[in-house]
Amino acid sequence: MFEPINAFTLYWVSSFAIVMIFAYLYVRLTPYNELDLIQKGKIGPALTLSGAMIGYALPIAAVITHSGHLLEMVAWAFFSAFVQFVAYQIIRFLFVNFHVIIGEKAGIAPAIVLSTLSVILGILSAACVTP
């Protein structure tokens, strides 16, 4: 009777914790602190962090839907984090001084590109999760 509720609770708590850990690591591994800049009202860092979190969560949701194995969710979590950090590095390569543009000048245009790339890669990763 309570098995579906237990499974829901297990996956919900686990996936939420995994996404929060990713967000913490993302903020720590970028050369600027998104949370500080967001609190100062800068839109660029809000876009990049939001896009990365959405792009990260999409494959996690797909693996929960298609797999039913907690260990597989954790494996996809590592892969999804890698994909999001690769997206960040691609944009850093394409936009010289990206961290300055985002961190100091609050550049919205490159932030939109990074956010879009993050979500696209998340969608593609989610689509690759096969039952």
Protein backbone atom coordinates (compact mmCIF):
# COMPACT_ATOMS: atom_id res chain seq x y z
CA MET A 1 0.00 0.00 0.00
CA PHE A 2 2.75 2.45 0.90
CA GLU A 3 5.29 1.23 -1.66
CA PRO A 4 4.47 3.90 -4.29
CA ILE A 5 4.70 6.60 -1.62
CA ASN A 6 8.05 5.24 -0.45
CA ALA A 7 9.39 5.16 -4.03
CA PHE A 8 8.13 8.69 -4.66
CA THR A 9 9.75 9.95 -1.47
CA LEU A 10 13.03 8.19 -2.20
CA TYR A 11 13.29 9.52 -5.75
CA TRP A 12 12.05 13.00 -4.92
CA VAL A 13 14.41 13.51 -1.99
CA SER A 14 17.34 11.94 -3.83
CA SER A 15 16.84 13.90 -7.03
CA PHE A 16 16.29 17.17 -5.18
CA ALA A 17 19.48 16.59 -3.17
CA ILE A 18 21.42 15.75 -6.33
CA VAL A 19 20.23 18.94 -8.06
CA MET A 20 21.11 21.06 -5.02
CA ILE A 21 24.59 19.49 -4.88
CA PHE A 22 25.04 20.26 -8.57
CA ALA A 23 23.96 23.89 -8.05
CA TYR A 24 26.40 24.23 -5.15
CA LEU A 25 29.27 22.80 -7.22
CA TYR A 26 28.36 24.89 -10.27
CA VAL A 27 28.48 28.10 -8.23
CA ARG A 28 31.79 27.05 -6.66
CA LEU A 29 33.44 25.98 -9.94
CA THR A 30 32.62 29.06 -11.97
CA PRO A 31 35.02 32.01 -11.55
CA TYR A 32 32.22 34.25 -10.27
CA ASN A 33 29.64 33.66 -7.57
CA GLU A 34 26.26 33.56 -9.27
CA LEU A 35 24.35 33.86 -6.01
CA ASP A 36 26.14 37.06 -4.97
CA LEU A 37 25.61 38.57 -8.40
CA ILE A 38 21.95 37.51 -8.49
CA GLN A 39 21.41 39.17 -5.11
CA LYS A 40 22.84 42.35 -6.64
CA GLY A 41 20.19 42.16 -9.37
CA LYS A 42 22.39 40.95 -12.25
CA ILE A 43 20.37 39.05 -14.82
CA GLY A 44 23.20 37.25 -16.65
CA PRO A 45 24.22 35.00 -13.76
CA ALA A 46 20.56 34.22 -13.03
CA LEU A 47 20.12 33.05 -16.62
CA THR A 48 23.27 30.90 -16.65
CA LEU A 49 22.57 29.22 -13.32
CA SER A 50 18.91 28.63 -14.18
CA GLY A 51 19.75 27.16 -17.58
CA ALA A 52 22.39 24.88 -16.10
CA MET A 53 20.02 23.65 -13.39
CA ILE A 54 17.22 22.97 -15.90
CA GLY A 55 19.63 21.28 -18.31
CA TYR A 56 20.97 19.20 -15.43
CA ALA A 57 17.56 18.18 -14.07
CA LEU A 58 16.09 17.03 -17.40
CA PRO A 59 18.19 13.84 -17.72
CA ILE A 60 17.68 13.11 -14.02
CA ALA A 61 13.91 13.25 -14.54
CA ALA A 62 14.19 11.06 -17.65
CA VAL A 63 16.18 8.38 -15.88
CA ILE A 64 13.67 8.30 -13.01
CA THR A 65 10.88 7.86 -15.56
CA HIS A 66 12.60 5.18 -17.63
CA SER A 67 14.83 3.29 -15.23
CA GLY A 68 13.56 2.81 -11.72
CA HIS A 69 17.06 2.23 -10.36
CA LEU A 70 18.53 4.72 -7.91
CA LEU A 71 22.10 3.81 -8.85
CA GLU A 72 21.40 4.55 -12.50
CA MET A 73 20.05 7.97 -11.49
CA VAL A 74 23.29 8.68 -9.65
CA ALA A 75 25.35 7.61 -12.67
CA TRP A 76 23.35 9.91 -14.95
CA ALA A 77 23.76 12.68 -12.39
CA PHE A 78 27.54 12.50 -12.79
CA PHE A 79 27.25 12.41 -16.58
CA SER A 80 24.80 15.32 -16.62
CA ALA A 81 27.09 17.41 -14.41
CA PHE A 82 29.96 16.71 -16.79
CA VAL A 83 27.82 17.79 -19.76
CA GLN A 84 26.85 21.06 -18.04
CA PHE A 85 30.46 21.88 -17.18
CA VAL A 86 31.45 21.14 -20.79
CA ALA A 87 28.75 23.57 -21.94
CA TYR A 88 30.24 26.23 -19.67
CA GLN A 89 33.73 25.60 -21.05
CA ILE A 90 32.50 25.82 -24.65
CA ILE A 91 30.96 29.23 -24.01
CA ARG A 92 34.06 30.38 -22.13
CA PHE A 93 36.08 29.44 -25.20
CA LEU A 94 33.72 31.21 -27.62
CA PHE A 95 33.34 34.41 -25.59
CA VAL A 96 36.68 35.85 -24.55
CA ASN A 97 36.51 37.10 -20.94
CA PHE A 98 33.12 35.46 -20.44
CA HIS A 99 33.53 35.50 -16.66
CA VAL A 100 34.21 39.25 -16.76
CA ILE A 101 31.26 39.90 -19.06
CA ILE A 102 28.92 37.93 -16.80
CA GLY A 103 30.45 38.79 -13.45
CA GLU A 104 31.23 42.47 -13.81
CA LYS A 105 29.32 43.78 -16.79
CA ALA A 106 26.32 41.46 -16.36
CA GLY A 107 26.24 40.63 -20.06
CA ILE A 108 22.88 39.16 -20.90
CA ALA A 109 23.53 38.08 -24.51
CA PRO A 110 26.25 35.51 -23.75
CA ALA A 111 24.28 34.40 -20.69
CA ILE A 112 21.30 33.61 -22.93
CA VAL A 113 23.58 31.60 -25.23
CA LEU A 114 24.99 29.59 -22.30
CA SER A 115 21.55 29.05 -20.79
CA THR A 116 20.18 27.88 -24.14
CA LEU A 117 23.12 25.54 -24.72
CA SER A 118 22.70 24.12 -21.21
CA VAL A 119 19.02 23.37 -21.79
CA ILE A 120 19.66 21.94 -25.28
CA LEU A 121 22.32 19.59 -23.92
CA GLY A 122 19.98 18.62 -21.09
CA ILE A 123 17.21 17.80 -23.55
CA LEU A 124 19.57 15.74 -25.72
CA SER A 125 20.94 13.92 -22.68
CA ALA A 126 17.41 13.20 -21.46
CA ALA A 127 16.48 11.85 -24.88
CA CYS A 128 19.46 9.48 -24.71
CA VAL A 129 18.11 7.83 -21.57
CA THR A 130 16.60 4.66 -22.93
CA PRO A 131 14.32 2.23 -21.11
